[in-house]
C-alpha atoms as a PDB file:
ATOM      1  CA  UNK A   1     188.467  79.580  95.510  1.00  0.00           C
ATOM      2  CA  UNK A   2     189.002  79.349  91.716  1.00  0.00           C
ATOM      3  CA  UNK A   3     188.215  76.155  89.810  1.00  0.00           C
ATOM      4  CA  UNK A   4     191.082  74.218  88.158  1.00  0.00           C
ATOM      5  CA  UNK A   5     191.480  74.501  84.374  1.00  0.00           C
ATOM      6  CA  UNK A   6     189.232  72.139  82.379  1.00  0.00           C
ATOM      7  CA  UNK A   7     186.767  71.725  85.197  1.00  0.00           C
ATOM      8  CA  UNK A   8     183.107  71.633  84.168  1.00  0.00           C
ATOM      9  CA  UNK A   9     180.377  73.123  86.293  1.00  0.00           C
ATOM     10  CA  UNK A  10     177.815  70.487  87.254  1.00  0.00           C
ATOM     11  CA  UNK A  11     174.886  72.889  86.908  1.00  0.00           C
ATOM     12  CA  UNK A  12     175.732  73.520  83.283  1.00  0.00           C
ATOM     13  CA  UNK A  13     175.370  69.820  82.502  1.00  0.00           C
ATOM     14  CA  UNK A  14     171.856  69.484  84.027  1.00  0.00           C
ATOM     15  CA  UNK A  15     169.069  70.577  81.673  1.00  0.00           C
ATOM     16  CA  UNK A  16     166.369  72.822  83.070  1.00  0.00           C
ATOM     17  CA  UNK A  17     163.277  70.844  84.034  1.00  0.00           C
ATOM     18  CA  UNK A  18     159.867  72.482  84.487  1.00  0.00           C
ATOM     19  CA  UNK A  19     158.418  71.784  87.846  1.00  0.00           C
ATOM     20  CA  UNK A  20     154.727  70.737  88.131  1.00  0.00           C
ATOM     21  CA  UNK A  21     153.849  74.159  89.613  1.00  0.00           C
ATOM     22  CA  UNK A  22     155.340  75.943  86.592  1.00  0.00           C
ATOM     23  CA  UNK A  23     153.479  73.649  84.212  1.00  0.00           C
ATOM     24  CA  UNK A  24     150.181  74.377  85.996  1.00  0.00           C
ATOM     25  CA  UNK A  25     150.885  78.092  85.914  1.00  0.00           C
ATOM     26  CA  UNK A  26     151.581  78.006  82.199  1.00  0.00           C
ATOM     27  CA  UNK A  27     148.310  76.209  81.468  1.00  0.00           C
ATOM     28  CA  UNK A  28     145.128  78.234  80.982  1.00  0.00           C
ATOM     29  CA  UNK A  29     142.476  77.707  83.640  1.00  0.00           C
ATOM     30  CA  UNK A  30     139.303  76.375  82.052  1.00  0.00           C
ATOM     31  CA  UNK A  31     136.019  77.439  83.676  1.00  0.00           C
ATOM     32  CA  UNK A  32     133.634  74.769  84.906  1.00  0.00           C
ATOM     33  CA  UNK A  33     131.114  73.846  82.256  1.00  0.00           C
ATOM     34  CA  UNK A  34     127.493  74.420  83.267  1.00  0.00           C
ATOM     35  CA  UNK A  35     125.228  73.213  80.461  1.00  0.00           C
ATOM     36  CA  UNK A  36     122.081  73.619  82.571  1.00  0.00           C
ATOM     37  CA  UNK A  37     122.669  77.353  82.861  1.00  0.00           C
ATOM     38  CA  UNK A  38     123.186  77.706  79.095  1.00  0.00           C
ATOM     39  CA  UNK A  39     120.014  75.723  78.353  1.00  0.00           C
ATOM     40  CA  UNK A  40     117.969  77.823  80.785  1.00  0.00           C
ATOM     41  CA  UNK A  41     119.413  81.020  79.283  1.00  0.00           C
ATOM     42  CA  UNK A  42     118.558  79.888  75.752  1.00  0.00           C
ATOM     43  CA  UNK A  43     114.990  79.007  76.757  1.00  0.00           C
ATOM     44  CA  UNK A  44     114.549  82.379  78.502  1.00  0.00           C
ATOM     45  CA  UNK A  45     115.863  84.251  75.450  1.00  0.00           C
ATOM     46  CA  UNK A  46     113.519  82.350  73.151  1.00  0.00           C
ATOM     47  CA  UNK A  47     110.506  83.102  75.345  1.00  0.00           C
ATOM     48  CA  UNK A  48     111.422  86.789  75.588  1.00  0.00           C
ATOM     49  CA  UNK A  49     111.937  86.997  71.820  1.00  0.00           C
ATOM     50  CA  UNK A  50     108.561  85.382  71.161  1.00  0.00           C
ATOM     51  CA  UNK A  51     106.844  87.732  73.607  1.00  0.00           C
ATOM     52  CA  UNK A  52     108.436  90.853  72.089  1.00  0.00           C
ATOM     53  CA  UNK A  53     107.682  89.642  68.555  1.00  0.00           C
ATOM     54  CA  UNK A  54     104.012  89.056  69.413  1.00  0.00           C
ATOM     55  CA  UNK A  55     103.816  92.395  71.206  1.00  0.00           C
ATOM     56  CA  UNK A  56     105.194  94.284  68.219  1.00  0.00           C
ATOM     57  CA  UNK A  57     103.527  92.456  65.342  1.00  0.00           C
ATOM     58  CA  UNK A  58     100.054  91.802  66.791  1.00  0.00           C
ATOM     59  CA  UNK A  59      97.709  94.371  65.184  1.00  0.00           C
ATOM     60  CA  UNK A  60      95.283  94.019  68.097  1.00  0.00           C
ATOM     61  CA  UNK A  61      97.498  96.299  70.233  1.00  0.00           C
ATOM     62  CA  UNK A  62      97.124  99.203  67.768  1.00  0.00           C
ATOM     63  CA  UNK A  63     100.448 100.859  68.509  1.00  0.00           C
ATOM     64  CA  UNK A  64      99.561 103.830  66.308  1.00  0.00           C
ATOM     65  CA  UNK A  65      96.644 104.630  68.606  1.00  0.00           C
ATOM     66  CA  UNK A  66      98.912 104.048  71.591  1.00  0.00           C
ATOM     67  CA  UNK A  67     101.210 106.800  70.306  1.00  0.00           C
ATOM     68  CA  UNK A  68      98.217 109.051  69.749  1.00  0.00           C
ATOM     69  CA  UNK A  69      96.906 108.694  73.316  1.00  0.00           C
ATOM     70  CA  UNK A  70     100.185 108.522  75.235  1.00  0.00           C
ATOM     71  CA  UNK A  71     100.721 112.293  75.581  1.00  0.00           C
ATOM     72  CA  UNK A  72      97.164 113.516  75.152  1.00  0.00           C
ATOM     73  CA  UNK A  73      96.194 116.330  77.591  1.00  0.00           C
ATOM     74  CA  UNK A  74      93.443 114.152  79.082  1.00  0.00           C
ATOM     75  CA  UNK A  75      95.925 111.419  79.977  1.00  0.00           C
ATOM     76  CA  UNK A  76      98.502 113.895  81.303  1.00  0.00           C
ATOM     77  CA  UNK A  77      95.880 115.605  83.476  1.00  0.00           C
ATOM     78  CA  UNK A  78      94.958 112.230  84.946  1.00  0.00           C
ATOM     79  CA  UNK A  79      98.652 111.457  85.479  1.00  0.00           C
ATOM     80  CA  UNK A  80      99.060 114.726  87.387  1.00  0.00           C
ATOM     81  CA  UNK A  81      96.135 113.851  89.659  1.00  0.00           C
ATOM     82  CA  UNK A  82      97.647 110.402  90.253  1.00  0.00           C
ATOM     83  CA  UNK A  83     100.957 111.985  91.266  1.00  0.00           C
ATOM     84  CA  UNK A  84      99.245 114.463  93.604  1.00  0.00           C
ATOM     85  CA  UNK A  85      97.155 111.808  95.327  1.00  0.00           C
ATOM     86  CA  UNK A  86     100.128 109.450  95.669  1.00  0.00           C
ATOM     87  CA  UNK A  87     102.442 112.173  97.009  1.00  0.00           C
ATOM     88  CA  UNK A  88     100.009 113.499  99.608  1.00  0.00           C
ATOM     89  CA  UNK A  89      98.973 110.022 100.695  1.00  0.00           C
ATOM     90  CA  UNK A  90     102.576 108.806 100.958  1.00  0.00           C
ATOM     91  CA  UNK A  91     103.623 111.686 103.207  1.00  0.00           C
ATOM     92  CA  UNK A  92     100.528 111.605 105.406  1.00  0.00           C
ATOM     93  CA  UNK A  93     100.549 107.816 105.534  1.00  0.00           C
ATOM     94  CA  UNK A  94     104.192 107.693 106.613  1.00  0.00           C
ATOM     95  CA  UNK A  95     103.670 110.343 109.296  1.00  0.00           C
ATOM     96  CA  UNK A  96     100.619 108.492 110.562  1.00  0.00           C
ATOM     97  CA  UNK A  97     102.530 105.211 110.479  1.00  0.00           C
ATOM     98  CA  UNK A  98     105.346 106.677 112.591  1.00  0.00           C
ATOM     99  CA  UNK A  99     102.868 107.908 115.205  1.00  0.00           C
ATOM    100  CA  UNK A 100     101.057 104.567 115.249  1.00  0.00           C
ATOM    101  CA  UNK A 101     104.337 102.663 115.538  1.00  0.00           C
ATOM    102  CA  UNK A 102     105.456 104.812 118.472  1.00  0.00           C
ATOM    103  CA  UNK A 103     102.050 104.243 120.082  1.00  0.00           C
ATOM    104  CA  UNK A 104     102.465 100.478 119.648  1.00  0.00           C
ATOM    105  CA  UNK A 105     105.861 100.697 121.350  1.00  0.00           C
ATOM    106  CA  UNK A 106     104.598 103.010 124.100  1.00  0.00           C
ATOM    107  CA  UNK A 107     104.358 101.936 127.727  1.00  0.00           C
ATOM    108  CA  UNK A 108     100.788 103.232 127.861  1.00  0.00           C
ATOM    109  CA  UNK A 109      98.324 100.332 127.502  1.00  0.00           C
ATOM    110  CA  UNK A 110      95.675 102.701 126.135  1.00  0.00           C
ATOM    111  CA  UNK A 111      97.940 103.910 123.314  1.00  0.00           C
ATOM    112  CA  UNK A 112      99.045 100.366 122.519  1.00  0.00           C
ATOM    113  CA  UNK A 113      95.452  99.118 122.391  1.00  0.00           C
ATOM    114  CA  UNK A 114      94.254 102.046 120.266  1.00  0.00           C
ATOM    115  CA  UNK A 115      97.115 101.670 117.801  1.00  0.00           C
ATOM    116  CA  UNK A 116      96.668  97.905 117.545  1.00  0.00           C
ATOM    117  CA  UNK A 117      92.918  98.311 116.957  1.00  0.00           C
ATOM    118  CA  UNK A 118      93.472 100.875 114.212  1.00  0.00           C
ATOM    119  CA  UNK A 119      96.032  98.720 112.412  1.00  0.00           C
ATOM    120  CA  UNK A 120      93.842  95.621 112.766  1.00  0.00           C
ATOM    121  CA  UNK A 121      90.735  97.386 111.423  1.00  0.00           C
ATOM    122  CA  UNK A 122      92.317  99.212 108.474  1.00  0.00           C
ATOM    123  CA  UNK A 123      94.284  96.169 107.336  1.00  0.00           C
ATOM    124  CA  UNK A 124      91.101  94.097 107.438  1.00  0.00           C
ATOM    125  CA  UNK A 125      88.819  96.458 105.495  1.00  0.00           C
ATOM    126  CA  UNK A 126      89.345  96.597 101.707  1.00  0.00           C
ATOM    127  CA  UNK A 127      90.536  99.946 100.428  1.00  0.00           C
ATOM    128  CA  UNK A 128      87.616 100.330  98.029  1.00  0.00           C
ATOM    129  CA  UNK A 129      85.228  99.989 100.983  1.00  0.00           C
ATOM    130  CA  UNK A 130      87.083 102.709 102.893  1.00  0.00           C
ATOM    131  CA  UNK A 131      86.924 105.055  99.890  1.00  0.00           C
ATOM    132  CA  UNK A 132      83.238 104.449  99.265  1.00  0.00           C
ATOM    133  CA  UNK A 133      82.445 104.894 102.969  1.00  0.00           C
ATOM    134  CA  UNK A 134      84.254 108.248 103.041  1.00  0.00           C
ATOM    135  CA  UNK A 135      82.614 109.277  99.778  1.00  0.00           C
ATOM    136  CA  UNK A 136      79.190 108.787 101.402  1.00  0.00           C
ATOM    137  CA  UNK A 137      80.292 110.119 104.794  1.00  0.00           C
ATOM    138  CA  UNK A 138      78.084 113.199 104.464  1.00  0.00           C
ATOM    139  CA  UNK A 139      75.008 110.985 104.486  1.00  0.00           C
ATOM    140  CA  UNK A 140      75.906 109.876 108.032  1.00  0.00           C
ATOM    141  CA  UNK A 141      77.261 113.163 109.376  1.00  0.00           C
ATOM    142  CA  UNK A 142      75.968 116.238 107.562  1.00  0.00           C
ATOM    143  CA  UNK A 143      77.892 118.640 109.848  1.00  0.00           C
ATOM    144  CA  UNK A 144      81.072 118.281 111.881  1.00  0.00           C
ATOM    145  CA  UNK A 145      81.767 120.314 114.995  1.00  0.00           C
ATOM    146  CA  UNK A 146      84.755 121.040 117.226  1.00  0.00           C
ATOM    147  CA  UNK A 147      84.231 121.615 120.926  1.00  0.00           C
ATOM    148  CA  UNK A 148      84.131 119.997 124.349  1.00  0.00           C
ATOM    149  CA  UNK A 149      83.311 116.251 124.228  1.00  0.00           C
ATOM    150  CA  UNK A 150      79.679 115.701 125.234  1.00  0.00           C
ATOM    151  CA  UNK A 151      79.443 119.488 125.675  1.00  0.00           C
ATOM    152  CA  UNK A 152      78.954 122.654 123.655  1.00  0.00           C
ATOM    153  CA  UNK A 153      80.533 123.022 120.209  1.00  0.00           C
ATOM    154  CA  UNK A 154      82.807 125.945 119.437  1.00  0.00           C
ATOM    155  CA  UNK A 155      82.157 125.950 115.689  1.00  0.00           C
ATOM    156  CA  UNK A 156      80.642 123.670 113.042  1.00  0.00           C
ATOM    157  CA  UNK A 157      81.093 123.253 109.298  1.00  0.00           C
ATOM    158  CA  UNK A 158      79.387 121.472 106.453  1.00  0.00           C
ATOM    159  CA  UNK A 159      81.159 118.175 105.738  1.00  0.00           C
ATOM    160  CA  UNK A 160      79.970 118.006 102.133  1.00  0.00           C
ATOM    161  CA  UNK A 161      81.786 121.267 101.281  1.00  0.00           C
ATOM    162  CA  UNK A 162      85.021 120.181 102.888  1.00  0.00           C
ATOM    163  CA  UNK A 163      85.115 116.625 101.521  1.00  0.00           C
ATOM    164  CA  UNK A 164      85.934 117.213  97.871  1.00  0.00           C
ATOM    165  CA  UNK A 165      86.823 114.286  95.627  1.00  0.00           C
ATOM    166  CA  UNK A 166      90.539 114.977  96.087  1.00  0.00           C
ATOM    167  CA  UNK A 167      90.204 115.182  99.885  1.00  0.00           C
ATOM    168  CA  UNK A 168      88.228 111.934 100.031  1.00  0.00           C
ATOM    169  CA  UNK A 169      90.828 110.144  97.907  1.00  0.00           C
ATOM    170  CA  UNK A 170      93.807 111.448  99.897  1.00  0.00           C
ATOM    171  CA  UNK A 171      92.212 110.790 103.289  1.00  0.00           C
ATOM    172  CA  UNK A 172      91.117 107.292 102.330  1.00  0.00           C
ATOM    173  CA  UNK A 173      94.496 106.287 100.929  1.00  0.00           C
ATOM    174  CA  UNK A 174      96.347 107.919 103.843  1.00  0.00           C
ATOM    175  CA  UNK A 175      94.274 106.097 106.451  1.00  0.00           C
ATOM    176  CA  UNK A 176      94.884 102.790 104.715  1.00  0.00           C
ATOM    177  CA  UNK A 177      98.580 103.494 104.113  1.00  0.00           C
ATOM    178  CA  UNK A 178      99.194 104.502 107.741  1.00  0.00           C
ATOM    179  CA  UNK A 179      98.088 101.085 108.976  1.00  0.00           C
ATOM    180  CA  UNK A 180     100.658  99.276 106.824  1.00  0.00           C
ATOM    181  CA  UNK A 181     103.369 101.897 107.318  1.00  0.00           C
ATOM    182  CA  UNK A 182     102.980 101.521 111.095  1.00  0.00           C
ATOM    183  CA  UNK A 183     104.063  97.877 110.926  1.00  0.00           C
ATOM    184  CA  UNK A 184     106.932  98.713 108.575  1.00  0.00           C
ATOM    185  CA  UNK A 185     108.218 101.445 110.899  1.00  0.00           C
ATOM    186  CA  UNK A 186     107.718  99.310 114.000  1.00  0.00           C
ATOM    187  CA  UNK A 187     109.672  96.456 112.425  1.00  0.00           C
ATOM    188  CA  UNK A 188     112.494  98.844 111.491  1.00  0.00           C
ATOM    189  CA  UNK A 189     112.691 100.248 115.022  1.00  0.00           C
ATOM    190  CA  UNK A 190     112.752  96.763 116.527  1.00  0.00           C
ATOM    191  CA  UNK A 191     115.589  95.806 114.155  1.00  0.00           C
ATOM    192  CA  UNK A 192     117.946  98.303 115.815  1.00  0.00           C
ATOM    193  CA  UNK A 193     120.282  96.547 118.207  1.00  0.00           C
ATOM    194  CA  UNK A 194     119.248  96.894 121.844  1.00  0.00           C
ATOM    195  CA  UNK A 195     122.776  97.950 122.709  1.00  0.00           C
ATOM    196  CA  UNK A 196     122.202 101.200 120.814  1.00  0.00           C
ATOM    197  CA  UNK A 197     119.290 102.051 123.118  1.00  0.00           C
ATOM    198  CA  UNK A 198     121.297 101.128 126.206  1.00  0.00           C
ATOM    199  CA  UNK A 199     124.324 103.160 125.112  1.00  0.00           C
ATOM    200  CA  UNK A 200     122.169 106.206 124.408  1.00  0.00           C
ATOM    201  CA  UNK A 201     120.427 105.870 127.780  1.00  0.00           C
ATOM    202  CA  UNK A 202     123.780 105.493 129.543  1.00  0.00           C
ATOM    203  CA  UNK A 203     124.879 108.812 128.047  1.00  0.00           C
ATOM    204  CA  UNK A 204     121.786 110.462 129.492  1.00  0.00           C
ATOM    205  CA  UNK A 205     120.402 111.522 126.115  1.00  0.00           C
ATOM    206  CA  UNK A 206     116.728 112.552 126.008  1.00  0.00           C
ATOM    207  CA  UNK A 207     114.315 110.029 124.533  1.00  0.00           C
ATOM    208  CA  UNK A 208     113.353 112.308 121.666  1.00  0.00           C
ATOM    209  CA  UNK A 209     116.998 112.910 120.752  1.00  0.00           C
ATOM    210  CA  UNK A 210     117.715 109.185 120.944  1.00  0.00           C
ATOM    211  CA  UNK A 211     114.924 108.452 118.478  1.00  0.00           C
ATOM    212  CA  UNK A 212     115.761 111.239 116.000  1.00  0.00           C
ATOM    213  CA  UNK A 213     119.543 110.934 115.948  1.00  0.00           C
ATOM    214  CA  UNK A 214     120.326 107.316 116.841  1.00  0.00           C
ATOM    215  CA  UNK A 215     117.433 104.903 116.521  1.00  0.00           C
ATOM    216  CA  UNK A 216     115.472 106.173 113.529  1.00  0.00           C
ATOM    217  CA  UNK A 217     118.471 106.718 111.151  1.00  0.00           C
ATOM    218  CA  UNK A 218     119.547 103.115 111.781  1.00  0.00           C
ATOM    219  CA  UNK A 219     115.971 101.857 111.421  1.00  0.00           C
ATOM    220  CA  UNK A 220     115.711 103.523 108.007  1.00  0.00           C
ATOM    221  CA  UNK A 221     118.011 100.852 106.544  1.00  0.00           C
ATOM    222  CA  UNK A 222     115.281  98.329 107.252  1.00  0.00           C
ATOM    223  CA  UNK A 223     112.321 100.650 106.695  1.00  0.00           C
ATOM    224  CA  UNK A 224     113.311 101.930 103.245  1.00  0.00           C
ATOM    225  CA  UNK A 225     112.970  98.759 101.106  1.00  0.00           C
ATOM    226  CA  UNK A 226     109.789  97.685 102.859  1.00  0.00           C
ATOM    227  CA  UNK A 227     108.143 101.089 102.687  1.00  0.00           C
ATOM    228  CA  UNK A 228     109.072 101.503  99.022  1.00  0.00           C
ATOM    229  CA  UNK A 229     107.101  98.319  98.360  1.00  0.00           C
ATOM    230  CA  UNK A 230     104.188  99.993 100.119  1.00  0.00           C
ATOM    231  CA  UNK A 231     104.734 103.146  98.071  1.00  0.00           C
ATOM    232  CA  UNK A 232     104.635 101.199  94.812  1.00  0.00           C
ATOM    233  CA  UNK A 233     101.430  99.546  95.977  1.00  0.00           C
ATOM    234  CA  UNK A 234     100.077 102.994  96.851  1.00  0.00           C
ATOM    235  CA  UNK A 235     100.766 104.280  93.331  1.00  0.00           C
ATOM    236  CA  UNK A 236      98.823 101.371  91.886  1.00  0.00           C
ATOM    237  CA  UNK A 237      96.059 101.789  94.469  1.00  0.00           C
ATOM    238  CA  UNK A 238      95.382 105.297  93.195  1.00  0.00           C
ATOM    239  CA  UNK A 239      93.504 103.628  90.335  1.00  0.00           C
ATOM    240  CA  UNK A 240      90.671 103.015  92.814  1.00  0.00           C
ATOM    241  CA  UNK A 241      89.939 106.724  93.268  1.00  0.00           C
ATOM    242  CA  UNK A 242      88.085 106.516  89.966  1.00  0.00           C
ATOM    243  CA  UNK A 243      85.220 105.023  91.984  1.00  0.00           C
ATOM    244  CA  UNK A 244      84.911 108.224  94.031  1.00  0.00           C
ATOM    245  CA  UNK A 245      84.541 110.367  90.885  1.00  0.00           C
ATOM    246  CA  UNK A 246      88.174 111.470  90.687  1.00  0.00           C
ATOM    247  CA  UNK A 247      89.584 111.188  87.174  1.00  0.00           C
ATOM    248  CA  UNK A 248      93.114 110.009  87.800  1.00  0.00           C
ATOM    249  CA  UNK A 249      95.265 108.266  85.177  1.00  0.00           C
ATOM    250  CA  UNK A 250      93.158 105.113  85.159  1.00  0.00           C
ATOM    251  CA  UNK A 251      89.916 107.090  85.398  1.00  0.00           C
ATOM    252  CA  UNK A 252      90.856 109.230  82.408  1.00  0.00           C
ATOM    253  CA  UNK A 253      91.636 106.139  80.361  1.00  0.00           C
ATOM    254  CA  UNK A 254      88.347 104.553  81.403  1.00  0.00           C
ATOM    255  CA  UNK A 255      86.448 107.703  80.441  1.00  0.00           C
ATOM    256  CA  UNK A 256      88.116 107.851  77.033  1.00  0.00           C
ATOM    257  CA  UNK A 257      87.538 104.135  76.563  1.00  0.00           C
ATOM    258  CA  UNK A 258      83.809 104.573  77.013  1.00  0.00           C
ATOM    259  CA  UNK A 259      83.839 107.357  74.415  1.00  0.00           C
ATOM    260  CA  UNK A 260      86.135 105.493  71.989  1.00  0.00           C
ATOM    261  CA  UNK A 261      85.394 101.779  72.556  1.00  0.00           C
ATOM    262  CA  UNK A 262      87.717 100.753  69.729  1.00  0.00           C
ATOM    263  CA  UNK A 263      90.713 102.202  71.614  1.00  0.00           C
ATOM    264  CA  UNK A 264      90.261 100.348  74.898  1.00  0.00           C
ATOM    265  CA  UNK A 265      93.348  98.178  74.461  1.00  0.00           C
ATOM    266  CA  UNK A 266      95.678 101.067  73.440  1.00  0.00           C
ATOM    267  CA  UNK A 267      94.378 103.104  76.375  1.00  0.00           C
ATOM    268  CA  UNK A 268      95.081 100.237  78.775  1.00  0.00           C
ATOM    269  CA  UNK A 269      98.590  99.973  77.333  1.00  0.00           C
ATOM    270  CA  UNK A 270      99.073 103.718  77.896  1.00  0.00           C
ATOM    271  CA  UNK A 271      98.062 103.322  81.541  1.00  0.00           C
ATOM    272  CA  UNK A 272     100.338 100.298  81.919  1.00  0.00           C
ATOM    273  CA  UNK A 273     103.371 102.079  80.494  1.00  0.00           C
ATOM    274  CA  UNK A 274     102.839 105.159  82.668  1.00  0.00           C
ATOM    275  CA  UNK A 275     102.559 102.995  85.803  1.00  0.00           C
ATOM    276  CA  UNK A 276     105.732 101.181  84.770  1.00  0.00           C
ATOM    277  CA  UNK A 277     107.524 104.525  84.405  1.00  0.00           C
ATOM    278  CA  UNK A 278     106.338 105.747  87.808  1.00  0.00           C
ATOM    279  CA  UNK A 279     107.292 102.563  89.664  1.00  0.00           C
ATOM    280  CA  UNK A 280     110.666 102.457  87.881  1.00  0.00           C
ATOM    281  CA  UNK A 281     111.453 105.996  89.011  1.00  0.00           C
ATOM    282  CA  UNK A 282     110.535 105.060  92.578  1.00  0.00           C
ATOM    283  CA  UNK A 283     112.803 101.994  92.357  1.00  0.00           C
ATOM    284  CA  UNK A 284     115.725 104.170  91.203  1.00  0.00           C
ATOM    285  CA  UNK A 285     115.213 106.529  94.127  1.00  0.00           C
ATOM    286  CA  UNK A 286     115.009 103.511  96.444  1.00  0.00           C
ATOM    287  CA  UNK A 287     118.416 102.269  95.243  1.00  0.00           C
ATOM    288  CA  UNK A 288     120.187 105.532  96.046  1.00  0.00           C
ATOM    289  CA  UNK A 289     118.384 105.981  99.376  1.00  0.00           C
ATOM    290  CA  UNK A 290     119.402 102.461 100.443  1.00  0.00           C
ATOM    291  CA  UNK A 291     122.947 103.143  99.267  1.00  0.00           C
ATOM    292  CA  UNK A 292     123.048 106.354 101.305  1.00  0.00           C
ATOM    293  CA  UNK A 293     121.905 104.673 104.517  1.00  0.00           C
ATOM    294  CA  UNK A 294     124.249 101.728 103.948  1.00  0.00           C
ATOM    295  CA  UNK A 295     127.219 103.941 104.841  1.00  0.00           C
ATOM    296  CA  UNK A 296     128.887 102.614 107.933  1.00  0.00           C
ATOM    297  CA  UNK A 297     126.933  99.347 107.808  1.00  0.00           C
ATOM    298  CA  UNK A 298     128.940  97.740 104.981  1.00  0.00           C
ATOM    299  CA  UNK A 299     132.638  97.778 104.163  1.00  0.00           C
ATOM    300  CA  UNK A 300     132.003  98.988 100.616  1.00  0.00           C
ATOM    301  CA  UNK A 301     128.927 100.622  99.145  1.00  0.00           C
ATOM    302  CA  UNK A 302     127.057  98.691  96.433  1.00  0.00           C
ATOM    303  CA  UNK A 303     128.056  99.863  92.947  1.00  0.00           C
ATOM    304  CA  UNK A 304     125.725 102.106  91.000  1.00  0.00           C
ATOM    305  CA  UNK A 305     124.329 100.905  87.637  1.00  0.00           C
ATOM    306  CA  UNK A 306     126.852 103.117  85.823  1.00  0.00           C
ATOM    307  CA  UNK A 307     129.706 101.610  87.843  1.00  0.00           C
ATOM    308  CA  UNK A 308     128.404  98.109  87.068  1.00  0.00           C
ATOM    309  CA  UNK A 309     128.337  98.968  83.358  1.00  0.00           C
ATOM    310  CA  UNK A 310     131.916 100.262  83.435  1.00  0.00           C
ATOM    311  CA  UNK A 311     133.084  97.156  85.305  1.00  0.00           C
ATOM    312  CA  UNK A 312     131.336  94.889  82.803  1.00  0.00           C
ATOM    313  CA  UNK A 313     132.897  96.666  79.834  1.00  0.00           C
ATOM    314  CA  UNK A 314     136.329  96.517  81.462  1.00  0.00           C
ATOM    315  CA  UNK A 315     135.933  92.769  82.077  1.00  0.00           C
ATOM    316  CA  UNK A 316     134.899  92.230  78.459  1.00  0.00           C
ATOM    317  CA  UNK A 317     137.938  94.132  77.185  1.00  0.00           C
ATOM    318  CA  UNK A 318     140.221  92.145  79.487  1.00  0.00           C
ATOM    319  CA  UNK A 319     138.686  88.874  78.369  1.00  0.00           C
ATOM    320  CA  UNK A 320     139.059  89.841  74.690  1.00  0.00           C
ATOM    321  CA  UNK A 321     142.693  90.790  75.285  1.00  0.00           C
ATOM    322  CA  UNK A 322     143.423  87.395  76.853  1.00  0.00           C
ATOM    323  CA  UNK A 323     141.688  85.621  73.970  1.00  0.00           C
ATOM    324  CA  UNK A 324     143.785  87.441  71.358  1.00  0.00           C
ATOM    325  CA  UNK A 325     146.966  86.828  73.348  1.00  0.00           C
ATOM    326  CA  UNK A 326     146.349  83.060  73.316  1.00  0.00           C
END
């Protein structure tokens, strides 16, 4: 129906009025002020700046001598020995820990008691005592034999020839590491939901297959961060093999420090930096191993450091664009 001539539309006479929701939308959202966080950040930055300034400007550190010793063949040879001892001990310690953990979870009371006794003893005895005891093991047992218990021996060998400095260091660290790894592995196995065991048993899967394909892969999510802590401690514990006449990284620095007493501090800084590099590399590997085993357990995988950097740069660009637009 058409409007009569001269009629005025009522909507044309009413001015547009912004509703409260539109006004709120047009306003910029101000973040909540947190002065305590800014004060704590400023204090932390000041402390870090003072520490770095003192580290760089203090002549007592002798950074020129640090650069001289950092890549010397003596130091690199000791670093190689440290890596060898840590690698062998980590593998043997983890394998021993898995066997001990399975023994602790066994239905055999003898295996449970033996495993518990081993873990209790090795966690109670200091590592340096274990190394020194093994280093002097030939004084207690000059020959070792293999044969029937309490019966004739098939063959014997001289223990002093077999137990080289490297063997003593690896065996001592492995024995100590296995005791701690056993509890880490046992805790990881116990963290797997009991329903997984019941479902696998209901399908009639063999026990060995259940452990390899179902239980242990899920337990690794819990085992990995805890065992990496043990691995980092193992890398630092290799410094004790110096006391069994094995010149590792720390032993090489100690030997050079006795020859050049004026370079003790730079040599200690060299050792510190190399240990920092080794533990940092282990931490990077830990991140990607945890990320790999997190598949299926989380809705989205944790971002990698590169992805975090890209996200941060994108957020900064977006924030700068909004600032310029205002």
